Amino acid sequence: MDQTVIKYRHCGRDIYTFSCSLYSFTQQTDDVDRSACPICHHTLTFGLFDAPVTLTCPFMNAHQVSCAFVIGSVHGPSYLGEWHDTEIHVGVSNSEGLVYNYTLSGVKRDDLGWEQCVCVQLVPPWRHDLRESWDRNLEEFSVLSEWVSERFEEEREFGSCCYGFALTFINRMRSLDGKLSLSRDQFTGSYILPRMKTVSTYIKIYHTILQHGFYKLDNT
């Protein structure tokens, strides 16, 4: 999913396409190729509020996002949509973008493999004190006996494993920062679901463009 999605407004609709495809719908006018709307096929002209804008991609390189909760899929970002019944994997990045994640083989520290993920940065860049504490505590937390490989299946039975590892650490850091712990439902509802809805919408738009060349949304 490496193509840039743009949105513009024409003939009463929001139209989405890839930036490289904006000029693929053309018509001849005075021997000059001009962009044409894929819906009404009229030449595209834009007012100030109708011109193409880039749609923000919800996927980020977790190795470039410090102190974050990260969500990925071994099958790629397209499988992070709400309708995909696929197992996702989560982890926590340190201030250098090293992703700690709990797996069948214990806690892994990945410097590759999380390039297209959903990232929730949890420490603002200006909190230098907390960033240093985050790194130190994350390394200490990752070697605790409760996260050994032998206990992975046991954690999975309780619906925990990688998510439990990440959220337990996050709550540990919240406590050190004088904040209340969050339940799984609280964290999911506040930090995860809003982003995943955005992700699902983006994936739907992206794949429709792949299939039909554009995606349209009527303004009502």
Protein backbone atom coordinates (compact mmCIF):
# COMPACT_ATOMS: atom_id res chain seq x y z
CA MET A 1 0.00 0.00 0.00
CA ASP A 2 2.63 2.47 -1.13
CA GLN A 3 0.63 4.69 -3.48
CA THR A 4 -0.55 8.13 -2.35
CA VAL A 5 -4.33 8.60 -2.13
CA ILE A 6 -5.77 12.02 -2.96
CA LYS A 7 -9.28 13.41 -2.57
CA TYR A 8 -10.98 16.14 -4.57
CA ARG A 9 -14.57 17.33 -4.95
CA HIS A 10 -16.41 17.37 -8.24
CA CYS A 11 -20.01 17.09 -9.48
CA GLY A 12 -21.34 16.93 -5.92
CA ARG A 13 -19.12 14.08 -4.82
CA ASP A 14 -15.87 13.48 -2.98
CA ILE A 15 -13.67 11.49 -5.35
CA TYR A 16 -10.62 9.53 -4.28
CA THR A 17 -7.86 8.28 -6.55
CA PHE A 18 -4.12 7.71 -6.56
CA SER A 19 -2.05 10.82 -7.15
CA CYS A 20 -0.42 9.23 -10.18
CA SER A 21 -3.88 8.49 -11.64
CA LEU A 22 -5.30 12.02 -11.48
CA TYR A 23 -4.53 12.54 -15.15
CA SER A 24 -5.46 9.07 -16.35
CA PHE A 25 -9.06 10.13 -17.11
CA THR A 26 -8.54 12.49 -20.06
CA GLN A 27 -10.47 14.06 -22.87
CA GLN A 28 -9.31 15.97 -25.91
CA THR A 29 -9.98 19.71 -25.79
CA ASP A 30 -8.27 21.94 -28.38
CA ASP A 31 -5.74 19.17 -29.00
CA VAL A 32 -4.63 19.25 -25.36
CA ASP A 33 -5.16 16.40 -22.90
CA ARG A 34 -7.04 17.72 -19.88
CA SER A 35 -8.06 15.83 -16.74
CA ALA A 36 -11.65 14.63 -16.78
CA CYS A 37 -13.89 13.60 -13.91
CA PRO A 38 -14.30 9.80 -13.86
CA ILE A 39 -17.98 10.26 -12.89
CA CYS A 40 -19.37 12.99 -15.17
CA HIS A 41 -16.44 12.98 -17.64
CA HIS A 42 -16.36 16.78 -17.72
CA THR A 43 -13.04 18.59 -17.57
CA LEU A 44 -11.83 18.94 -14.01
CA THR A 45 -11.80 22.49 -12.68
CA PHE A 46 -11.40 23.23 -9.01
CA GLY A 47 -12.36 25.98 -6.67
CA LEU A 48 -10.37 26.75 -3.56
CA PHE A 49 -12.19 24.15 -1.44
CA ASP A 50 -12.45 21.49 -4.17
CA ALA A 51 -8.80 21.06 -5.14
CA PRO A 52 -6.99 17.75 -4.57
CA VAL A 53 -5.60 17.11 -1.10
CA THR A 54 -3.52 14.18 0.08
CA LEU A 55 -5.28 11.65 2.28
CA THR A 56 -3.16 10.91 5.33
CA CYS A 57 -1.97 7.31 5.34
CA PRO A 58 -2.73 5.68 8.73
CA PHE A 59 0.26 3.34 8.51
CA MET A 60 3.63 4.32 9.93
CA ASN A 61 7.09 2.86 10.29
CA ALA A 62 7.13 1.81 13.95
CA HIS A 63 10.92 1.86 13.93
CA GLN A 64 10.68 5.62 13.46
CA VAL A 65 8.04 6.20 16.16
CA SER A 66 9.38 6.35 19.69
CA CYS A 67 7.66 5.05 22.81
CA ALA A 68 4.58 3.77 21.05
CA PHE A 69 2.03 0.97 21.13
CA VAL A 70 2.23 -0.62 17.69
CA ILE A 71 -0.17 -2.90 15.81
CA GLY A 72 0.83 -5.00 12.84
CA SER A 73 -0.10 -8.06 10.83
CA VAL A 74 2.23 -10.67 9.38
CA HIS A 75 0.07 -10.53 6.23
CA GLY A 76 0.61 -6.80 5.72
CA PRO A 77 -1.35 -3.62 6.46
CA SER A 78 -4.29 -4.61 4.24
CA TYR A 79 -5.21 -7.21 6.86
CA LEU A 80 -5.65 -4.67 9.65
CA GLY A 81 -9.18 -3.78 8.51
CA GLU A 82 -12.16 -4.50 10.74
CA TRP A 83 -13.57 -7.16 8.42
CA HIS A 84 -10.44 -9.33 8.33
CA ASP A 85 -10.52 -12.31 10.68
CA THR A 86 -6.77 -12.46 11.06
CA GLU A 87 -4.48 -12.51 14.05
CA ILE A 88 -2.77 -9.21 14.61
CA HIS A 89 0.39 -8.75 16.60
CA VAL A 90 1.21 -5.85 18.92
CA GLY A 91 4.30 -4.55 20.61
CA VAL A 92 5.89 -1.54 22.28
CA SER A 93 8.68 0.55 20.79
CA ASN A 94 11.45 2.19 22.80
CA SER A 95 12.81 5.67 22.14
CA GLU A 96 15.03 4.33 19.34
CA GLY A 97 12.25 2.46 17.52
CA LEU A 98 13.23 -1.01 18.72
CA VAL A 99 9.96 -2.97 18.98
CA TYR A 100 9.58 -5.27 21.99
CA ASN A 101 6.92 -7.93 21.43
CA TYR A 102 5.91 -11.12 23.22
CA THR A 103 5.93 -14.26 21.05
CA LEU A 104 6.10 -18.03 21.27
CA SER A 105 9.85 -17.72 21.66
CA GLY A 106 9.61 -15.12 24.40
CA VAL A 107 10.16 -11.39 24.12
CA LYS A 108 11.68 -10.29 20.83
CA ARG A 109 13.41 -6.99 20.15
CA ASP A 110 12.87 -6.19 16.48
CA ASP A 111 14.70 -3.51 14.54
CA LEU A 112 13.00 -4.63 11.30
CA GLY A 113 9.58 -5.93 10.29
CA TRP A 114 7.27 -3.23 11.66
CA GLU A 115 7.49 -0.78 8.75
CA GLN A 116 3.73 -0.55 8.00
CA CYS A 117 1.85 -0.49 11.27
CA VAL A 118 -0.69 1.44 13.28
CA CYS A 119 1.23 3.41 15.91
CA VAL A 120 -0.02 5.08 19.07
CA GLN A 121 2.73 7.30 20.45
CA LEU A 122 2.36 7.41 24.23
CA VAL A 123 5.19 9.71 25.30
CA PRO A 124 5.44 13.23 23.84
CA PRO A 125 8.89 14.09 22.42
CA TRP A 126 9.44 16.85 24.98
CA ARG A 127 9.17 14.41 27.93
CA HIS A 128 12.89 13.52 27.92
CA ASP A 129 12.77 12.26 31.49
CA LEU A 130 9.95 9.84 30.73
CA ARG A 131 11.59 8.64 27.50
CA GLU A 132 14.75 7.66 29.38
CA SER A 133 12.70 5.96 32.08
CA TRP A 134 10.62 4.22 29.39
CA ASP A 135 13.68 2.59 27.81
CA ARG A 136 15.15 1.44 31.10
CA ASN A 137 11.88 0.04 32.42
CA LEU A 138 10.98 -1.63 29.11
CA GLU A 139 14.22 -3.60 29.10
CA GLU A 140 13.79 -4.59 32.77
CA PHE A 141 10.14 -5.49 32.18
CA SER A 142 10.93 -7.65 29.14
CA VAL A 143 13.14 -10.05 31.12
CA LEU A 144 10.62 -10.76 33.88
CA SER A 145 9.78 -14.45 34.35
CA GLU A 146 6.11 -13.95 33.41
CA TRP A 147 7.14 -13.28 29.81
CA VAL A 148 9.20 -16.40 29.19
CA SER A 149 8.33 -18.52 26.15
CA GLU A 150 6.96 -21.37 28.30
CA ARG A 151 4.13 -19.18 29.53
CA PHE A 152 3.01 -17.89 26.13
CA GLU A 153 0.30 -20.52 25.59
CA GLU A 154 -0.92 -20.02 29.15
CA GLU A 155 -1.24 -16.27 28.53
CA ARG A 156 -2.98 -16.92 25.21
CA GLU A 157 -5.69 -18.97 26.95
CA PHE A 158 -6.61 -15.87 28.90
CA GLY A 159 -6.64 -13.75 25.73
CA SER A 160 -3.52 -11.93 26.82
CA CYS A 161 -0.11 -12.83 25.31
CA CYS A 162 1.25 -9.96 23.19
CA TYR A 163 -1.53 -7.51 24.11
CA GLY A 164 -1.18 -8.34 27.78
CA PHE A 165 2.57 -7.78 27.61
CA ALA A 166 2.16 -4.37 26.00
CA LEU A 167 -0.72 -3.12 28.15
CA THR A 168 0.85 -4.33 31.41
CA PHE A 169 3.99 -2.37 30.58
CA ILE A 170 1.99 0.72 29.57
CA ASN A 171 0.12 0.63 32.88
CA ARG A 172 3.41 0.24 34.72
CA MET A 173 4.67 3.44 33.09
CA ARG A 174 1.38 5.23 33.73
CA SER A 175 1.69 4.39 37.41
CA LEU A 176 5.25 5.75 37.51
CA ASP A 177 3.95 8.92 35.86
CA GLY A 178 1.22 9.32 38.46
CA LYS A 179 -1.63 8.18 36.19
CA LEU A 180 -4.32 5.58 36.74
CA SER A 181 -4.07 2.18 35.10
CA LEU A 182 -6.34 1.39 32.16
CA SER A 183 -8.35 -1.78 31.67
CA ARG A 184 -8.10 -3.57 28.35
CA ASP A 185 -11.53 -2.24 27.36
CA GLN A 186 -10.59 1.31 28.35
CA PHE A 187 -7.33 1.27 26.42
CA THR A 188 -8.91 -0.35 23.39
CA GLY A 189 -11.86 2.05 23.33
CA SER A 190 -9.79 5.20 23.82
CA TYR A 191 -6.63 4.48 21.84
CA ILE A 192 -7.24 1.60 19.44
CA LEU A 193 -10.79 1.58 18.06
CA PRO A 194 -10.80 5.16 16.71
CA ARG A 195 -7.61 4.46 14.77
CA MET A 196 -8.78 1.08 13.51
CA LYS A 197 -11.98 2.62 12.13
CA THR A 198 -9.83 5.12 10.23
CA VAL A 199 -7.64 2.26 9.02
CA SER A 200 -10.62 0.24 7.80
CA THR A 201 -12.00 3.22 5.86
CA TYR A 202 -8.61 3.87 4.28
CA ILE A 203 -8.19 0.22 3.26
CA LYS A 204 -11.67 0.18 1.71
CA ILE A 205 -10.93 3.32 -0.30
CA TYR A 206 -7.51 2.03 -1.37
CA HIS A 207 -8.76 -1.33 -2.62
CA THR A 208 -11.72 0.24 -4.43
CA ILE A 209 -9.28 2.50 -6.28
CA LEU A 210 -7.18 -0.54 -7.18
CA GLN A 211 -10.24 -2.29 -8.61
CA HIS A 212 -12.06 0.60 -10.29
CA GLY A 213 -9.57 3.44 -10.60
CA PHE A 214 -11.43 5.68 -8.14
CA TYR A 215 -13.71 5.73 -5.12
CA LYS A 216 -16.66 8.11 -4.84
CA LEU A 217 -18.61 9.39 -1.87
CA ASP A 218 -21.84 11.32 -2.43
CA ASN A 219 -22.18 14.51 -0.39
CA THR A 220 -25.53 14.42 1.38
